[in-house]
Amino acid sequence: MFTSQLPDVEIPATPLTRFILRHADELSAQPALVDGTSGLTITYGELSTMIQSLAGGLVEAGITRGDVVAIMAPNIPHYAVVFHGTAWAGGAVTTINPTYTAGEVRHQLNDSGARILVTVSPLAALALEAAEGTGVERVASIDPCDLDGVGSLSDLMGAPHVEHVAVDPAEDLVALPYSSGTTGLSKGVELTHRNLVANLVQVEAVLPFTRGEAMLSVLPFFHIYGMQVLMNLALASGGTVVTMPRFDLEQFLTLSQQHRIRLGVVVPPIVLALAKHPLVDQYDLSSVERLFSGAAPLGADLADEAAARLGCEVVQGYGMTELSPVTHATPEGQGRAGTIGILVPNTECRVVNPDTGEDCEVGEDGELWVRGPQVMKGYLNNPTATADTIDADGWLHTGDIGHADADGHFSIVDRLKELIKYKGFQVPPAELEALLLTHPEVADVAVVGIPDEEAGELPKAFVVLKPGADTTASDVQAFVAERVASYKQIREVAFVDEIPKSASGKILRRLLRD
């Protein structure tokens, strides 16, 4: 068993938003959030007031401890207001991917039991369609929207609720993002106040962030990586969150130069652009000291190329939604090519042979098991999936294969789990396979990830057609594209005579990948 080389940190027994606003009075005039597109700025004093006002309005609207509010929006300053206003009112936030189809949004609204859905005007029609027939009582838009049935966020504001609604940080949920875990359809990940506070304190020990420093926040806040490492970590540290609604290289470079970004928290496709795109040479990125990449594996050669071009350190970390999310990170000056770093404080890790259940030797590959205060409470409404992921001793089985070297630096080399990682997003093959099997001319199908330098992996479908069918690859791709979010779409199609399976009927994905 491996333990962190870093000293344990004290985890405050406090609700998340009280921890996030710990410097708000002292920094009341300092910008907390800046819209990178419009320049709209919310100071810490304004943020605190807006959070308390939204909490007051939610309480007046009948939101009580444990109720769920959904938010479906791009990265904008008011995202933090909705998230933490809900938390201050004792509720939990389920964060929804804005690229989802109405059916995907409806599944999450139903499963989470959301009572209010907050969105933005370009997504309002989708929100109304998805909310129909669910438990959502109210749809509100952050920006002005003239669509019937959609109210405004300002209407949800009320008299400030100065005191945080009483919660049990160790038991009460504050965030309910959705993840496919190690396999299967997306499930609600139950994250408590303690889970998120603990991980912020753990990450602070490895990625120190100073007051007044700007954090360029392009990774989506609906994803645990953007939610925690960009939005919450920067706010808890007294920094300034500069939001970008989507990745645009020119805007990313402009804002990096304008705000003198020191620490870039990114994903591999952004590292690729910084390493290779000619536009980079037109900007002054001399302030950048570190790029911290996560969400998907980053090749050592690409990391070295980006580091040489920018004159900075390029390192990796590792985590999962179910782990709040960070378990491994690279302290400053300790980068090792191709590794995910060392364990963050208060964290234990085992490397286990998936066939025997025995612990592996140093340098030997096995499945990473993790235990610590950042491990989720469980999967919502799914005790079976919870038991399959967290064992009786509290070890979360990650489904990732890797090893540790003699100095405690870890590497990920493969996946035991079936998920495809497309630009850092989880694509569960089972979901796409189930969808394709509803196509009238598809007899059997398997979906696997194939390597791609920019995206990490691309979803590829191997399709067995029914006799006499004349469906084309384009037909297959269009069928899927109409029914799922853009990142889940099939990028390649191959027609085969049969899908290789084991005696028990399990798809032999490795044979297809090979």
Protein backbone atom coordinates (compact mmCIF):
# COMPACT_ATOMS: atom_id res chain seq x y z
CA MET A 1 0.00 0.00 0.00
CA PHE A 2 1.25 3.47 -0.89
CA THR A 3 0.65 6.56 1.24
CA SER A 4 1.28 10.19 0.35
CA GLN A 5 4.78 11.52 0.71
CA LEU A 6 3.23 14.83 1.68
CA PRO A 7 2.18 15.54 5.27
CA ASP A 8 -1.49 15.15 6.10
CA VAL A 9 -3.57 18.31 5.96
CA GLU A 10 -6.36 19.33 8.31
CA ILE A 11 -9.80 19.14 6.71
CA PRO A 12 -12.12 21.81 8.07
CA ALA A 13 -15.53 20.53 9.20
CA THR A 14 -17.38 23.21 7.30
CA PRO A 15 -19.93 23.53 4.50
CA LEU A 16 -18.32 24.02 1.10
CA THR A 17 -19.48 27.56 0.36
CA ARG A 18 -18.46 28.85 3.77
CA PHE A 19 -14.98 27.53 2.94
CA ILE A 20 -15.10 29.08 -0.55
CA LEU A 21 -16.01 32.51 0.89
CA ARG A 22 -13.47 32.42 3.71
CA HIS A 23 -11.63 35.47 2.28
CA ALA A 24 -14.69 37.31 0.90
CA ASP A 25 -14.93 40.04 3.56
CA GLU A 26 -11.23 40.76 3.43
CA LEU A 27 -11.21 40.85 -0.39
CA SER A 28 -14.61 42.42 -0.91
CA ALA A 29 -13.42 44.87 -3.61
CA GLN A 30 -11.27 42.35 -5.50
CA PRO A 31 -12.62 40.70 -8.68
CA ALA A 32 -13.77 37.16 -7.93
CA LEU A 33 -15.10 36.33 -11.40
CA VAL A 34 -14.52 38.00 -14.77
CA ASP A 35 -16.31 37.11 -18.00
CA GLY A 36 -13.47 36.69 -20.48
CA THR A 37 -15.79 37.53 -23.38
CA SER A 38 -17.66 40.61 -22.10
CA GLY A 39 -15.49 41.77 -19.22
CA LEU A 40 -18.41 41.56 -16.75
CA THR A 41 -16.89 41.45 -13.27
CA ILE A 42 -18.25 40.23 -9.94
CA THR A 43 -16.24 41.22 -6.85
CA TYR A 44 -15.96 39.03 -3.77
CA GLY A 45 -18.31 41.35 -1.92
CA GLU A 46 -20.86 41.15 -4.70
CA LEU A 47 -20.45 37.38 -4.98
CA SER A 48 -21.14 36.90 -1.28
CA THR A 49 -24.25 39.10 -1.44
CA MET A 50 -25.57 37.39 -4.60
CA ILE A 51 -25.04 33.92 -3.12
CA GLN A 52 -26.94 34.85 0.04
CA SER A 53 -29.71 36.52 -1.97
CA LEU A 54 -30.18 33.48 -4.20
CA ALA A 55 -30.16 31.23 -1.14
CA GLY A 56 -32.87 33.40 0.40
CA GLY A 57 -34.96 33.21 -2.75
CA LEU A 58 -34.55 29.46 -3.01
CA VAL A 59 -35.62 29.00 0.59
CA GLU A 60 -38.66 31.21 -0.08
CA ALA A 61 -39.40 29.06 -3.15
CA GLY A 62 -39.52 25.96 -0.95
CA ILE A 63 -36.06 24.54 -1.54
CA THR A 64 -35.04 22.71 1.61
CA ARG A 65 -31.98 20.85 2.82
CA GLY A 66 -31.14 18.07 0.36
CA ASP A 67 -33.25 19.36 -2.54
CA VAL A 68 -31.60 19.41 -5.97
CA VAL A 69 -31.18 22.36 -8.32
CA ALA A 70 -29.89 21.69 -11.85
CA ILE A 71 -27.69 24.07 -13.82
CA MET A 72 -27.13 23.77 -17.57
CA ALA A 73 -24.91 26.59 -18.77
CA PRO A 74 -21.50 27.35 -20.23
CA ASN A 75 -18.74 28.87 -18.10
CA ILE A 76 -19.94 32.33 -17.10
CA PRO A 77 -19.51 34.21 -13.79
CA HIS A 78 -23.08 33.56 -12.64
CA TYR A 79 -22.44 29.82 -12.73
CA ALA A 80 -20.67 30.21 -9.40
CA VAL A 81 -23.59 32.25 -8.05
CA VAL A 82 -26.10 29.50 -8.87
CA PHE A 83 -23.84 26.72 -7.63
CA HIS A 84 -23.00 28.31 -4.30
CA GLY A 85 -26.37 29.97 -3.78
CA THR A 86 -27.90 26.49 -3.93
CA ALA A 87 -25.27 25.12 -1.56
CA TRP A 88 -25.84 28.01 0.89
CA ALA A 89 -29.54 27.11 0.88
CA GLY A 90 -28.66 23.55 1.90
CA GLY A 91 -29.32 22.09 -1.53
CA ALA A 92 -27.26 20.03 -3.95
CA VAL A 93 -26.37 21.04 -7.50
CA THR A 94 -26.56 18.63 -10.41
CA THR A 95 -24.45 20.01 -13.25
CA ILE A 96 -25.65 19.25 -16.77
CA ASN A 97 -23.59 19.21 -19.96
CA PRO A 98 -24.98 22.00 -22.22
CA THR A 99 -24.33 19.89 -25.34
CA TYR A 100 -26.72 17.14 -24.20
CA THR A 101 -29.84 16.31 -26.16
CA ALA A 102 -33.25 16.75 -24.53
CA GLY A 103 -33.41 13.03 -23.80
CA GLU A 104 -30.04 13.04 -22.05
CA VAL A 105 -30.99 16.10 -19.99
CA ARG A 106 -34.36 14.53 -19.08
CA HIS A 107 -32.64 11.37 -17.80
CA GLN A 108 -30.48 13.45 -15.45
CA LEU A 109 -33.38 15.62 -14.28
CA ASN A 110 -35.49 12.56 -13.49
CA ASP A 111 -32.72 10.57 -11.86
CA SER A 112 -31.48 13.48 -9.73
CA GLY A 113 -34.97 14.61 -8.74
CA ALA A 114 -34.15 18.22 -9.63
CA ARG A 115 -36.85 20.76 -8.66
CA ILE A 116 -35.42 23.83 -10.42
CA LEU A 117 -33.45 24.07 -13.67
CA VAL A 118 -31.27 27.14 -14.26
CA THR A 119 -29.95 27.73 -17.77
CA VAL A 120 -29.15 30.46 -20.33
CA SER A 121 -31.38 31.83 -23.08
CA PRO A 122 -29.79 29.92 -26.01
CA LEU A 123 -30.56 26.68 -24.14
CA ALA A 124 -33.99 27.68 -22.82
CA ALA A 125 -36.04 25.82 -25.44
CA LEU A 126 -34.01 22.67 -24.85
CA ALA A 127 -34.45 23.10 -21.10
CA LEU A 128 -38.24 23.37 -21.41
CA GLU A 129 -38.42 20.31 -23.67
CA ALA A 130 -36.24 18.27 -21.33
CA ALA A 131 -38.08 19.37 -18.19
CA GLU A 132 -41.50 18.33 -19.50
CA GLY A 133 -42.83 15.40 -17.50
CA THR A 134 -40.08 15.62 -14.86
CA GLY A 135 -40.17 16.92 -11.30
CA VAL A 136 -38.81 20.30 -12.38
CA GLU A 137 -41.17 23.00 -11.08
CA ARG A 138 -39.39 26.01 -12.50
CA VAL A 139 -37.01 26.86 -15.35
CA ALA A 140 -35.02 30.09 -15.01
CA SER A 141 -32.53 31.81 -17.31
CA ILE A 142 -29.43 33.59 -16.08
CA ASP A 143 -29.65 36.13 -18.93
CA PRO A 144 -32.82 37.78 -20.33
CA CYS A 145 -35.14 35.32 -22.10
CA ASP A 146 -38.57 36.03 -23.58
CA LEU A 147 -39.62 32.40 -23.97
CA ASP A 148 -42.92 31.52 -22.28
CA GLY A 149 -42.40 29.25 -19.32
CA VAL A 150 -38.89 30.50 -18.59
CA GLY A 151 -38.40 32.87 -15.68
CA SER A 152 -35.28 34.82 -14.78
CA LEU A 153 -32.56 34.21 -12.24
CA SER A 154 -33.27 37.67 -10.80
CA ASP A 155 -36.80 36.49 -9.99
CA LEU A 156 -35.29 33.71 -7.89
CA MET A 157 -33.36 36.20 -5.76
CA GLY A 158 -34.81 37.02 -2.36
CA ALA A 159 -33.94 38.63 0.94
CA PRO A 160 -30.36 37.60 1.80
CA HIS A 161 -30.12 34.43 3.86
CA VAL A 162 -27.18 35.57 5.96
CA GLU A 163 -26.64 32.25 7.74
CA HIS A 164 -25.82 29.09 5.83
CA VAL A 165 -28.66 26.59 6.09
CA ALA A 166 -27.56 23.94 8.58
CA VAL A 167 -26.04 20.86 6.94
CA ASP A 168 -23.96 17.88 7.98
CA PRO A 169 -20.77 18.30 5.91
CA ALA A 170 -19.88 14.63 6.14
CA GLU A 171 -23.28 13.36 5.03
CA ASP A 172 -25.16 16.02 3.06
CA LEU A 173 -24.61 16.26 -0.69
CA VAL A 174 -23.52 19.51 -2.30
CA ALA A 175 -22.73 18.33 -5.84
CA LEU A 176 -24.32 15.66 -8.01
CA PRO A 177 -22.37 15.47 -11.28
CA TYR A 178 -22.99 12.52 -13.56
CA SER A 179 -20.32 10.02 -14.52
CA SER A 180 -20.20 6.65 -16.23
CA GLY A 181 -17.82 5.39 -13.57
CA THR A 182 -15.92 2.39 -14.86
CA THR A 183 -18.63 1.25 -17.26
CA GLY A 184 -22.28 1.63 -18.23
CA LEU A 185 -24.71 4.55 -18.41
CA SER A 186 -24.16 7.78 -16.52
CA LYS A 187 -24.90 7.76 -12.81
CA GLY A 188 -25.26 10.52 -10.23
CA VAL A 189 -22.08 10.82 -8.18
CA GLU A 190 -22.91 11.77 -4.59
CA LEU A 191 -20.32 14.28 -3.39
CA THR A 192 -20.63 15.72 0.10
CA HIS A 193 -19.46 19.06 1.42
CA ARG A 194 -16.61 17.22 3.14
CA ASN A 195 -15.60 15.47 -0.09
CA LEU A 196 -15.15 18.75 -1.95
CA VAL A 197 -13.61 20.72 0.92
CA ALA A 198 -11.18 17.88 1.56
CA ASN A 199 -10.05 17.75 -2.04
CA LEU A 200 -9.57 21.51 -2.23
CA VAL A 201 -7.29 21.40 0.81
CA GLN A 202 -5.47 18.37 -0.62
CA VAL A 203 -4.92 20.07 -4.00
CA GLU A 204 -3.80 23.34 -2.38
CA ALA A 205 -0.82 21.44 -0.98
CA VAL A 206 0.35 20.50 -4.49
CA LEU A 207 -0.96 23.37 -6.64
CA PRO A 208 -0.57 26.46 -4.46
CA PHE A 209 -2.59 29.40 -5.75
CA THR A 210 -2.04 32.96 -4.54
CA ARG A 211 -4.52 35.73 -3.75
CA GLY A 212 -5.28 37.97 -6.69
CA GLU A 213 -3.89 35.49 -9.20
CA ALA A 214 -6.01 34.87 -12.29
CA MET A 215 -7.20 31.39 -13.22
CA LEU A 216 -8.21 31.08 -16.87
CA SER A 217 -11.20 28.77 -16.70
CA VAL A 218 -12.00 27.17 -20.04
CA LEU A 219 -12.59 23.61 -18.80
CA PRO A 220 -16.34 23.26 -18.26
CA PHE A 221 -17.69 23.86 -14.78
CA PHE A 222 -20.26 21.07 -15.27
CA HIS A 223 -17.28 18.67 -15.23
CA ILE A 224 -15.71 17.97 -11.83
CA TYR A 225 -12.25 19.06 -13.06
CA GLY A 226 -13.42 22.54 -14.06
CA MET A 227 -15.82 22.79 -11.10
CA GLN A 228 -13.20 22.04 -8.47
CA VAL A 229 -9.71 22.82 -9.77
CA LEU A 230 -10.64 25.97 -11.69
CA MET A 231 -13.75 27.51 -10.14
CA ASN A 232 -13.69 26.41 -6.51
CA LEU A 233 -9.92 26.25 -5.93
CA ALA A 234 -9.37 29.75 -7.32
CA LEU A 235 -12.24 31.23 -5.28
CA ALA A 236 -11.21 29.47 -2.09
CA SER A 237 -7.68 30.84 -2.56
CA GLY A 238 -8.81 34.41 -3.16
CA GLY A 239 -7.97 34.35 -6.86
CA THR A 240 -9.84 35.66 -9.88
CA VAL A 241 -11.74 33.21 -12.09
CA VAL A 242 -11.64 34.35 -15.73
CA THR A 243 -14.35 32.42 -17.58
CA MET A 244 -14.42 31.20 -21.16
CA PRO A 245 -17.66 29.63 -22.47
CA ARG A 246 -15.77 27.34 -24.87
CA PHE A 247 -12.22 26.77 -26.04
CA ASP A 248 -11.07 29.16 -28.73
CA LEU A 249 -7.29 29.22 -29.14
CA GLU A 250 -7.04 32.90 -30.07
CA GLN A 251 -9.18 33.97 -27.11
CA PHE A 252 -7.31 31.58 -24.82
CA LEU A 253 -3.98 33.11 -25.84
CA THR A 254 -5.31 36.69 -25.62
CA LEU A 255 -6.68 36.17 -22.10
CA SER A 256 -3.54 34.31 -20.98
CA GLN A 257 -1.46 37.28 -22.08
CA GLN A 258 -3.87 39.91 -20.70
CA HIS A 259 -4.28 38.34 -17.26
CA ARG A 260 -0.67 37.14 -16.96
CA ILE A 261 -1.66 33.56 -16.30
CA ARG A 262 0.93 31.70 -14.20
CA LEU A 263 -0.70 28.29 -13.81
CA GLY A 264 -2.55 26.84 -16.79
CA VAL A 265 -4.98 24.06 -15.84
CA VAL A 266 -5.68 22.30 -19.11
CA VAL A 267 -6.38 19.04 -20.96
CA PRO A 268 -4.21 17.29 -23.59
CA PRO A 269 -5.87 18.86 -26.69
CA ILE A 270 -4.97 22.32 -25.33
CA VAL A 271 -1.40 21.18 -24.68
CA LEU A 272 -1.30 19.97 -28.29
CA ALA A 273 -2.40 23.38 -29.57
CA LEU A 274 0.14 25.18 -27.39
CA ALA A 275 2.89 22.87 -28.61
CA LYS A 276 2.17 23.01 -32.33
CA HIS A 277 -0.08 25.87 -33.47
CA PRO A 278 1.72 28.78 -35.19
CA LEU A 279 -0.63 31.32 -33.58
CA VAL A 280 1.07 30.77 -30.22
CA ASP A 281 4.18 32.63 -31.38
CA GLN A 282 2.19 35.86 -31.68
CA TYR A 283 1.51 36.09 -27.94
CA ASP A 284 3.52 36.81 -24.83
CA LEU A 285 3.13 33.78 -22.58
CA SER A 286 6.22 34.50 -20.50
CA SER A 287 4.10 34.59 -17.33
CA VAL A 288 3.23 30.88 -17.67
CA GLU A 289 5.29 28.84 -15.23
CA ARG A 290 3.34 25.58 -15.23
CA LEU A 291 0.82 23.70 -17.31
CA PHE A 292 -1.12 21.14 -15.31
CA SER A 293 -2.89 18.61 -17.53
CA GLY A 294 -5.56 16.14 -16.48
CA ALA A 295 -8.77 14.31 -17.54
CA ALA A 296 -6.91 12.14 -20.08
CA PRO A 297 -3.37 10.78 -20.57
CA LEU A 298 -0.74 13.18 -21.90
CA GLY A 299 2.12 11.70 -23.92
CA ALA A 300 5.62 12.42 -22.65
CA ASP A 301 6.84 13.63 -26.05
CA LEU A 302 3.98 16.12 -26.40
CA ALA A 303 4.54 17.39 -22.84
CA ASP A 304 8.23 17.91 -23.55
CA GLU A 305 7.47 19.72 -26.82
CA ALA A 306 5.05 22.13 -25.12
CA ALA A 307 7.46 22.69 -22.23
CA ALA A 308 10.30 23.54 -24.61
CA ARG A 309 8.18 25.93 -26.65
CA LEU A 310 6.71 27.82 -23.70
CA GLY A 311 9.70 27.58 -21.40
CA CYS A 312 7.60 26.18 -18.56
CA GLU A 313 6.98 22.98 -16.66
CA VAL A 314 4.32 20.66 -18.11
CA VAL A 315 3.02 18.04 -15.66
CA GLN A 316 0.06 15.75 -15.15
CA GLY A 317 -2.36 14.78 -12.45
CA TYR A 318 -5.01 12.10 -12.09
CA GLY A 319 -8.49 11.79 -10.71
CA MET A 320 -12.11 10.82 -11.28
CA THR A 321 -15.48 12.43 -10.69
CA GLU A 322 -15.95 9.79 -7.98
CA LEU A 323 -12.80 11.13 -6.28
CA SER A 324 -13.79 14.81 -6.08
CA PRO A 325 -11.59 14.56 -8.33
CA VAL A 326 -7.83 14.63 -7.59
CA THR A 327 -5.80 11.79 -6.09
CA HIS A 328 -2.44 12.23 -7.82
CA ALA A 329 -0.60 15.42 -8.81
CA THR A 330 2.90 16.62 -9.50
CA PRO A 331 4.45 19.11 -7.04
CA GLU A 332 6.47 21.95 -8.51
CA GLY A 333 9.88 20.87 -9.76
CA GLN A 334 9.13 17.14 -9.42
CA GLY A 335 7.81 16.39 -12.90
CA ARG A 336 8.69 13.06 -14.45
CA ALA A 337 7.84 12.48 -18.10
CA GLY A 338 4.72 10.38 -18.62
CA THR A 339 3.77 10.13 -14.95
CA ILE A 340 0.71 11.44 -13.10
CA GLY A 341 2.72 12.48 -10.06
CA ILE A 342 2.48 11.43 -6.43
CA LEU A 343 -0.44 10.92 -4.07
CA VAL A 344 -2.00 14.09 -2.69
CA PRO A 345 -2.12 14.36 1.14
CA ASN A 346 -4.42 12.13 3.22
CA THR A 347 -4.63 9.60 0.36
CA GLU A 348 -3.76 5.91 0.16
CA CYS A 349 -3.38 3.84 -3.00
CA ARG A 350 -2.98 0.16 -3.79
CA VAL A 351 -1.92 -1.36 -7.09
CA VAL A 352 -3.81 -4.65 -7.33
CA ASN A 353 -3.56 -7.57 -9.72
CA PRO A 354 -7.10 -7.68 -11.19
CA ASP A 355 -6.91 -11.46 -11.65
CA THR A 356 -5.63 -12.47 -8.21
CA GLY A 357 -6.61 -9.55 -5.97
CA GLU A 358 -3.04 -9.47 -4.65
CA ASP A 359 -1.00 -6.29 -4.28
CA CYS A 360 1.57 -5.74 -7.01
CA GLU A 361 5.25 -5.08 -6.51
CA VAL A 362 6.82 -1.69 -7.24
CA GLY A 363 6.93 -1.21 -11.02
CA GLU A 364 4.37 -3.95 -11.65
CA ASP A 365 1.12 -3.05 -13.42
CA GLY A 366 -2.21 -3.47 -11.68
CA GLU A 367 -5.51 -1.70 -11.04
CA LEU A 368 -5.29 1.45 -8.92
CA TRP A 369 -7.43 1.39 -5.79
CA VAL A 370 -7.77 4.63 -3.82
CA ARG A 371 -8.92 5.48 -0.31
CA GLY A 372 -9.25 8.90 1.29
CA PRO A 373 -11.67 11.66 2.34
CA GLN A 374 -12.29 12.58 -1.32
CA VAL A 375 -13.96 9.23 -2.14
CA MET A 376 -17.61 9.79 -3.07
CA LYS A 377 -20.47 8.79 -0.81
CA GLY A 378 -21.82 6.56 -3.59
CA TYR A 379 -23.90 6.49 -6.76
CA LEU A 380 -27.38 7.99 -6.46
CA ASN A 381 -30.19 5.42 -6.52
CA ASN A 382 -27.71 2.68 -7.44
CA PRO A 383 -26.43 0.62 -4.50
CA THR A 384 -25.27 -2.16 -6.82
CA ALA A 385 -22.99 0.15 -8.81
CA THR A 386 -21.74 1.66 -5.55
CA ALA A 387 -20.85 -1.76 -4.14
CA ASP A 388 -19.13 -2.68 -7.40
CA THR A 389 -16.93 0.42 -7.17
CA ILE A 390 -16.23 0.90 -3.44
CA ASP A 391 -15.43 -2.23 -1.45
CA ALA A 392 -16.20 -2.94 2.19
CA ASP A 393 -12.86 -1.49 3.30
CA GLY A 394 -13.49 1.84 1.56
CA TRP A 395 -11.20 1.28 -1.42
CA LEU A 396 -12.50 2.79 -4.66
CA HIS A 397 -11.57 0.60 -7.63
CA THR A 398 -10.66 3.06 -10.38
CA GLY A 399 -10.65 0.70 -13.38
CA ASP A 400 -7.32 2.19 -14.49
CA ILE A 401 -4.19 0.09 -14.85
CA GLY A 402 -0.86 1.54 -13.79
CA HIS A 403 2.15 1.24 -11.53
CA ALA A 404 4.29 3.17 -9.10
CA ASP A 405 8.05 3.55 -9.25
CA ALA A 406 10.38 3.27 -6.28
CA ASP A 407 9.94 6.98 -5.50
CA GLY A 408 6.15 6.86 -5.43
CA HIS A 409 5.50 8.45 -8.82
CA PHE A 410 2.59 6.76 -10.61
CA SER A 411 1.93 6.04 -14.28
CA ILE A 412 -1.28 5.00 -16.02
CA VAL A 413 -0.72 2.52 -18.83
CA ASP A 414 -4.12 1.03 -19.73
CA ARG A 415 -7.75 0.76 -18.70
CA LEU A 416 -9.53 -2.14 -17.15
CA LYS A 417 -12.73 -0.17 -17.58
CA GLU A 418 -14.38 0.17 -20.97
CA LEU A 419 -14.85 3.93 -21.13
CA ILE A 420 -13.60 5.88 -24.14
CA LYS A 421 -11.98 9.23 -23.31
CA TYR A 422 -12.74 11.76 -26.07
CA LYS A 423 -11.10 15.12 -25.33
CA GLY A 424 -11.35 14.34 -21.62
CA PHE A 425 -15.06 13.44 -21.74
CA GLN A 426 -16.33 9.98 -20.87
CA VAL A 427 -18.00 8.06 -23.66
CA PRO A 428 -19.55 4.79 -22.41
CA PRO A 429 -19.54 2.19 -25.23
CA ALA A 430 -22.57 0.43 -23.75
CA GLU A 431 -24.73 3.52 -24.24
CA LEU A 432 -23.82 3.82 -27.93
CA GLU A 433 -24.19 0.09 -28.49
CA ALA A 434 -27.66 0.08 -26.95
CA LEU A 435 -28.62 3.03 -29.14
CA LEU A 436 -27.28 1.47 -32.36
CA LEU A 437 -29.11 -1.78 -31.67
CA THR A 438 -32.37 0.16 -32.04
CA HIS A 439 -31.46 0.87 -35.68
CA PRO A 440 -33.72 -1.35 -37.80
CA GLU A 441 -30.87 -2.62 -39.99
CA VAL A 442 -28.25 -3.26 -37.27
CA ALA A 443 -27.94 -6.85 -36.08
CA ASP A 444 -25.02 -6.45 -33.68
CA VAL A 445 -22.50 -3.78 -32.76
CA ALA A 446 -19.48 -3.02 -30.62
CA VAL A 447 -17.94 0.38 -29.92
CA VAL A 448 -14.31 0.90 -28.92
CA GLY A 449 -11.90 3.79 -28.63
CA ILE A 450 -9.10 4.17 -31.15
CA PRO A 451 -6.04 6.38 -30.54
CA ASP A 452 -6.04 9.95 -31.84
CA GLU A 453 -3.37 12.55 -31.20
CA GLU A 454 -5.73 15.48 -30.73
CA ALA A 455 -8.75 13.87 -29.07
CA GLY A 456 -7.00 11.09 -27.15
CA GLU A 457 -9.47 8.51 -28.41
CA LEU A 458 -12.19 8.41 -31.05
CA PRO A 459 -15.35 6.29 -30.72
CA LYS A 460 -15.37 3.69 -33.50
CA ALA A 461 -18.31 1.38 -34.20
CA PHE A 462 -17.96 -2.15 -35.55
CA VAL A 463 -21.34 -2.95 -37.07
CA VAL A 464 -22.96 -6.20 -38.20
CA LEU A 465 -25.83 -5.44 -40.57
CA LYS A 466 -28.94 -7.53 -41.01
CA PRO A 467 -29.18 -9.53 -44.29
CA GLY A 468 -30.09 -7.32 -47.24
CA ALA A 469 -29.42 -4.05 -45.39
CA ASP A 470 -27.88 -1.20 -47.36
CA THR A 471 -27.07 1.15 -44.48
CA THR A 472 -23.86 3.14 -45.02
CA ALA A 473 -21.27 4.40 -42.55
CA SER A 474 -22.68 7.91 -42.94
CA ASP A 475 -26.15 6.58 -42.12
CA VAL A 476 -24.84 5.02 -38.91
CA GLN A 477 -23.09 8.22 -37.88
CA ALA A 478 -26.14 10.37 -38.62
CA PHE A 479 -28.40 8.02 -36.65
CA VAL A 480 -26.22 8.45 -33.56
CA ALA A 481 -25.61 12.19 -34.07
CA GLU A 482 -29.33 12.93 -33.86
CA ARG A 483 -29.63 11.27 -30.47
CA VAL A 484 -26.55 12.05 -28.36
CA ALA A 485 -24.26 14.92 -27.40
CA SER A 486 -21.56 15.87 -29.89
CA TYR A 487 -18.67 14.35 -27.93
CA LYS A 488 -20.36 10.92 -27.95
CA GLN A 489 -20.76 10.74 -31.70
CA ILE A 490 -19.30 7.88 -33.73
CA ARG A 491 -16.21 9.10 -35.59
CA GLU A 492 -15.46 5.92 -37.57
CA VAL A 493 -17.51 2.93 -38.71
CA ALA A 494 -16.39 -0.51 -39.84
CA PHE A 495 -18.75 -3.21 -41.11
CA VAL A 496 -17.88 -6.74 -39.97
CA ASP A 497 -19.41 -10.19 -40.24
CA GLU A 498 -19.48 -10.79 -36.50
CA ILE A 499 -18.51 -9.23 -33.17
CA PRO A 500 -15.87 -11.25 -31.27
CA LYS A 501 -17.24 -12.36 -27.89
CA SER A 502 -16.22 -14.59 -25.01
CA ALA A 503 -18.05 -17.77 -24.09
CA SER A 504 -20.13 -15.74 -21.64
CA GLY A 505 -21.12 -13.30 -24.37
CA LYS A 506 -18.86 -10.42 -23.29
CA ILE A 507 -17.53 -8.31 -26.18
CA LEU A 508 -13.79 -8.82 -26.66
CA ARG A 509 -12.98 -5.15 -27.17
CA ARG A 510 -9.25 -5.63 -27.10
CA LEU A 511 -9.42 -7.78 -30.23
CA LEU A 512 -11.31 -5.02 -31.99
CA ARG A 513 -8.88 -2.34 -30.81
CA ASP A 514 -5.92 -4.44 -31.93
